[in-house]
Structure formats: structure tokens, C-alpha cells
Amino acid sequence: MLNPDLVGRTVPGTTSTTISQESIDAFARSLGETNTEVAPPTYAITITLEQSQSLLQSSGLDWSRVVHGDQRFVIHQPLVAGDVVRCDSTIESARVVAGNEIVTVRADLLKESECVVSTWSTLVFRA
């Protein structure tokens, strides 16, 4: 069970990621997208997922019992090749419904100090 004291906790990213044209091209290809001047809107998950997963695994939740509940993106500025971003993750909410833990994590991609993309992942940890 998630410690309720972790709700609201933000873990700042400790490393930066440089977005490559090759990674944008590969992601776009998997979607059938041909315009790769900017990254597809859902590309951000390739960066945010690892930190969010790490944050939740360190909380003691059993990642092997997770079911994806919802995903949302807010794009403040498109991601392009050459951007250098850092990912900060926050556990925004946690609740128990029918024995299942439902956790929402917000991940913000920052270029310098400006938030360029925010993602929200709602995950259900089955009982």
C-alpha cells in the first residue's frame, strides 16, 4: 500500500535527456506518422515513464500488478530534436477502491526551468 505521506511529493529529475531526431523518427514510425519536424504529442512518455516507474517502485507498490487506467498530456511547447529536458515527477493522488490502489503521477518535462510538457498517468494496482 502506498504511504499516504508520499502524495504530493515531487522527485526532481537528476539527469537530462537530449531528444534525438532518430528517437523522434522511430516513435513517429511506430504510429504511422510521417511529419517528424516535431515529436508526436505522446512522445513524452518515452522520457517520463522511466522516472514515474522508478518513483512508484521505490514506494513499495507491486509494479507487476499494474493496469493502465488513463493518460493525459498537456503540451506547452512541442518537443524537437536537440531539446534537452529534465523530468520531475509528483505523486498527485492515491486512493483505494474495491481493494485496488489507484495512483496518479504527474511528470513535467522542463527545458531549463520552463515546463514544456506535462503528463498524467493514472495506474491501478490490482489487489
C-alpha atoms as a PDB file:
ATOM      1  CA  MET A   1       0.000   0.000   0.000  1.00  0.00           C
ATOM      2  CA  LEU A   2       1.243   3.471  -0.882  1.00  0.00           C
ATOM      3  CA  ASN A   3       2.327   5.529   2.084  1.00  0.00           C
ATOM      4  CA  PRO A   4      -0.123   8.493   2.158  1.00  0.00           C
ATOM      5  CA  ASP A   5       2.780  10.787   3.113  1.00  0.00           C
ATOM      6  CA  LEU A   6       4.133  10.327  -0.432  1.00  0.00           C
ATOM      7  CA  VAL A   7       1.125  12.044  -2.025  1.00  0.00           C
ATOM      8  CA  GLY A   8       2.231  15.495  -3.126  1.00  0.00           C
ATOM      9  CA  ARG A   9       5.893  14.517  -3.097  1.00  0.00           C
ATOM     10  CA  THR A  10       7.900  15.697  -6.108  1.00  0.00           C
ATOM     11  CA  VAL A  11      11.076  13.936  -7.132  1.00  0.00           C
ATOM     12  CA  PRO A  12      13.220  16.233  -9.257  1.00  0.00           C
ATOM     13  CA  GLY A  13      14.991  14.646 -12.197  1.00  0.00           C
ATOM     14  CA  THR A  14      18.701  14.209 -11.645  1.00  0.00           C
ATOM     15  CA  THR A  15      19.698  13.760 -15.284  1.00  0.00           C
ATOM     16  CA  SER A  16      18.840  15.452 -18.535  1.00  0.00           C
ATOM     17  CA  THR A  17      17.776  13.823 -21.768  1.00  0.00           C
ATOM     18  CA  THR A  18      18.734  15.167 -25.166  1.00  0.00           C
ATOM     19  CA  ILE A  19      15.999  14.432 -27.687  1.00  0.00           C
ATOM     20  CA  SER A  20      17.405  12.998 -30.893  1.00  0.00           C
ATOM     21  CA  GLN A  21      15.881  13.120 -34.344  1.00  0.00           C
ATOM     22  CA  GLU A  22      16.396   9.349 -34.559  1.00  0.00           C
ATOM     23  CA  SER A  23      14.241   8.740 -31.459  1.00  0.00           C
ATOM     24  CA  ILE A  24      11.505  11.038 -32.786  1.00  0.00           C
ATOM     25  CA  ASP A  25      11.619   9.275 -36.169  1.00  0.00           C
ATOM     26  CA  ALA A  26      11.385   5.814 -34.588  1.00  0.00           C
ATOM     27  CA  PHE A  27       8.478   6.803 -32.347  1.00  0.00           C
ATOM     28  CA  ALA A  28       6.647   8.526 -35.202  1.00  0.00           C
ATOM     29  CA  ARG A  29       7.166   5.493 -37.446  1.00  0.00           C
ATOM     30  CA  SER A  30       5.532   3.240 -34.827  1.00  0.00           C
ATOM     31  CA  LEU A  31       2.449   5.485 -35.034  1.00  0.00           C
ATOM     32  CA  GLY A  32       2.445   5.752 -38.819  1.00  0.00           C
ATOM     33  CA  GLU A  33       3.237   9.463 -38.540  1.00  0.00           C
ATOM     34  CA  THR A  34       5.326  10.920 -41.348  1.00  0.00           C
ATOM     35  CA  ASN A  35       5.821  14.501 -40.135  1.00  0.00           C
ATOM     36  CA  THR A  36       8.745  14.417 -37.707  1.00  0.00           C
ATOM     37  CA  GLU A  37       9.610  18.111 -37.535  1.00  0.00           C
ATOM     38  CA  VAL A  38       8.236  17.976 -34.001  1.00  0.00           C
ATOM     39  CA  ALA A  39       7.769  14.937 -31.767  1.00  0.00           C
ATOM     40  CA  PRO A  40       4.287  13.394 -31.716  1.00  0.00           C
ATOM     41  CA  PRO A  41       2.330  14.539 -28.633  1.00  0.00           C
ATOM     42  CA  THR A  42       2.627  11.173 -26.888  1.00  0.00           C
ATOM     43  CA  TYR A  43       6.418  11.013 -27.423  1.00  0.00           C
ATOM     44  CA  ALA A  44       6.907  12.494 -23.944  1.00  0.00           C
ATOM     45  CA  ILE A  45       6.002   9.134 -22.385  1.00  0.00           C
ATOM     46  CA  THR A  46       9.298   7.714 -23.663  1.00  0.00           C
ATOM     47  CA  ILE A  47      11.043  10.052 -21.233  1.00  0.00           C
ATOM     48  CA  THR A  48       8.573  10.279 -18.340  1.00  0.00           C
ATOM     49  CA  LEU A  49       7.711   6.581 -17.929  1.00  0.00           C
ATOM     50  CA  GLU A  50      11.064   5.513 -16.517  1.00  0.00           C
ATOM     51  CA  GLN A  51      11.122   8.141 -13.774  1.00  0.00           C
ATOM     52  CA  SER A  52       7.467   7.608 -12.864  1.00  0.00           C
ATOM     53  CA  GLN A  53       8.009   3.855 -12.688  1.00  0.00           C
ATOM     54  CA  SER A  54      11.105   4.324 -10.544  1.00  0.00           C
ATOM     55  CA  LEU A  55       9.208   6.639  -8.183  1.00  0.00           C
ATOM     56  CA  LEU A  56       6.387   4.126  -7.743  1.00  0.00           C
ATOM     57  CA  GLN A  57       8.677   1.104  -7.359  1.00  0.00           C
ATOM     58  CA  SER A  58      10.547   2.868  -4.558  1.00  0.00           C
ATOM     59  CA  SER A  59       7.177   3.408  -2.836  1.00  0.00           C
ATOM     60  CA  GLY A  60       6.707  -0.332  -2.353  1.00  0.00           C
ATOM     61  CA  LEU A  61       3.862  -0.805  -4.844  1.00  0.00           C
ATOM     62  CA  ASP A  62       3.941  -4.051  -6.826  1.00  0.00           C
ATOM     63  CA  TRP A  63       4.571  -2.944 -10.425  1.00  0.00           C
ATOM     64  CA  SER A  64       3.748  -6.446 -11.712  1.00  0.00           C
ATOM     65  CA  ARG A  65       0.108  -5.886 -10.689  1.00  0.00           C
ATOM     66  CA  VAL A  66      -0.379  -2.598 -12.540  1.00  0.00           C
ATOM     67  CA  VAL A  67      -3.089  -1.909 -15.090  1.00  0.00           C
ATOM     68  CA  HIS A  68      -3.017   1.315 -17.077  1.00  0.00           C
ATOM     69  CA  GLY A  69      -6.018   3.466 -16.172  1.00  0.00           C
ATOM     70  CA  ASP A  70      -5.634   6.768 -18.003  1.00  0.00           C
ATOM     71  CA  GLN A  71      -3.070   9.002 -19.697  1.00  0.00           C
ATOM     72  CA  ARG A  72      -3.229  12.732 -20.361  1.00  0.00           C
ATOM     73  CA  PHE A  73      -0.808  15.190 -21.951  1.00  0.00           C
ATOM     74  CA  VAL A  74      -0.597  18.977 -21.929  1.00  0.00           C
ATOM     75  CA  ILE A  75       1.858  20.327 -24.480  1.00  0.00           C
ATOM     76  CA  HIS A  76       3.056  23.834 -23.645  1.00  0.00           C
ATOM     77  CA  GLN A  77       5.739  23.705 -26.322  1.00  0.00           C
ATOM     78  CA  PRO A  78       6.405  20.968 -28.917  1.00  0.00           C
ATOM     79  CA  LEU A  79       9.455  18.774 -28.391  1.00  0.00           C
ATOM     80  CA  VAL A  80      12.029  18.868 -31.183  1.00  0.00           C
ATOM     81  CA  ALA A  81      15.377  17.236 -31.843  1.00  0.00           C
ATOM     82  CA  GLY A  82      18.117  18.890 -29.824  1.00  0.00           C
ATOM     83  CA  ASP A  83      15.891  19.826 -26.879  1.00  0.00           C
ATOM     84  CA  VAL A  84      17.465  18.994 -23.537  1.00  0.00           C
ATOM     85  CA  VAL A  85      14.837  18.199 -20.908  1.00  0.00           C
ATOM     86  CA  ARG A  86      14.666  17.105 -17.290  1.00  0.00           C
ATOM     87  CA  CYS A  87      11.759  15.133 -15.845  1.00  0.00           C
ATOM     88  CA  ASP A  88      10.271  15.939 -12.421  1.00  0.00           C
ATOM     89  CA  SER A  89       7.619  13.513 -11.119  1.00  0.00           C
ATOM     90  CA  THR A  90       4.919  14.075  -8.496  1.00  0.00           C
ATOM     91  CA  ILE A  91       2.515  11.601  -6.922  1.00  0.00           C
ATOM     92  CA  GLU A  92      -0.637  13.701  -7.217  1.00  0.00           C
ATOM     93  CA  SER A  93      -3.200  11.358  -5.717  1.00  0.00           C
ATOM     94  CA  ALA A  94      -3.743   7.888  -4.327  1.00  0.00           C
ATOM     95  CA  ARG A  95      -6.896   6.139  -3.215  1.00  0.00           C
ATOM     96  CA  VAL A  96      -8.201   2.643  -2.617  1.00  0.00           C
ATOM     97  CA  VAL A  97     -11.285   1.445  -4.500  1.00  0.00           C
ATOM     98  CA  ALA A  98     -12.575  -2.117  -4.043  1.00  0.00           C
ATOM     99  CA  GLY A  99      -9.169  -3.122  -2.681  1.00  0.00           C
ATOM    100  CA  ASN A 100      -7.308  -1.699  -5.684  1.00  0.00           C
ATOM    101  CA  GLU A 101      -4.905   1.208  -5.286  1.00  0.00           C
ATOM    102  CA  ILE A 102      -5.373   3.963  -7.859  1.00  0.00           C
ATOM    103  CA  VAL A 103      -2.399   6.294  -8.165  1.00  0.00           C
ATOM    104  CA  THR A 104      -1.968   9.348 -10.382  1.00  0.00           C
ATOM    105  CA  VAL A 105       1.527  10.575 -11.191  1.00  0.00           C
ATOM    106  CA  ARG A 106       2.241  13.872 -12.931  1.00  0.00           C
ATOM    107  CA  ALA A 107       5.527  14.160 -14.789  1.00  0.00           C
ATOM    108  CA  ASP A 108       6.765  17.518 -16.020  1.00  0.00           C
ATOM    109  CA  LEU A 109       9.382  17.853 -18.738  1.00  0.00           C
ATOM    110  CA  LEU A 110      11.381  21.014 -18.191  1.00  0.00           C
ATOM    111  CA  LYS A 111      13.643  22.768 -20.642  1.00  0.00           C
ATOM    112  CA  GLU A 112      15.891  24.845 -18.441  1.00  0.00           C
ATOM    113  CA  SER A 113      13.321  25.970 -15.859  1.00  0.00           C
ATOM    114  CA  GLU A 114      10.322  26.141 -18.213  1.00  0.00           C
ATOM    115  CA  CYS A 115       7.733  23.351 -18.221  1.00  0.00           C
ATOM    116  CA  VAL A 116       7.252  22.288 -21.849  1.00  0.00           C
ATOM    117  CA  VAL A 117       5.135  19.128 -21.400  1.00  0.00           C
ATOM    118  CA  SER A 118       3.088  17.742 -18.507  1.00  0.00           C
ATOM    119  CA  THR A 119       1.809  14.179 -18.457  1.00  0.00           C
ATOM    120  CA  TRP A 120      -0.566  12.458 -16.063  1.00  0.00           C
ATOM    121  CA  SER A 121      -0.633   8.676 -15.700  1.00  0.00           C
ATOM    122  CA  THR A 122      -3.347   7.014 -13.657  1.00  0.00           C
ATOM    123  CA  LEU A 123      -2.373   3.486 -12.717  1.00  0.00           C
ATOM    124  CA  VAL A 124      -4.417   0.803 -10.985  1.00  0.00           C
ATOM    125  CA  PHE A 125      -2.505  -1.603  -8.755  1.00  0.00           C
ATOM    126  CA  ARG A 126      -4.767  -4.649  -8.577  1.00  0.00           C
ATOM    127  CA  ALA A 127      -5.486  -6.219  -5.206  1.00  0.00           C
END
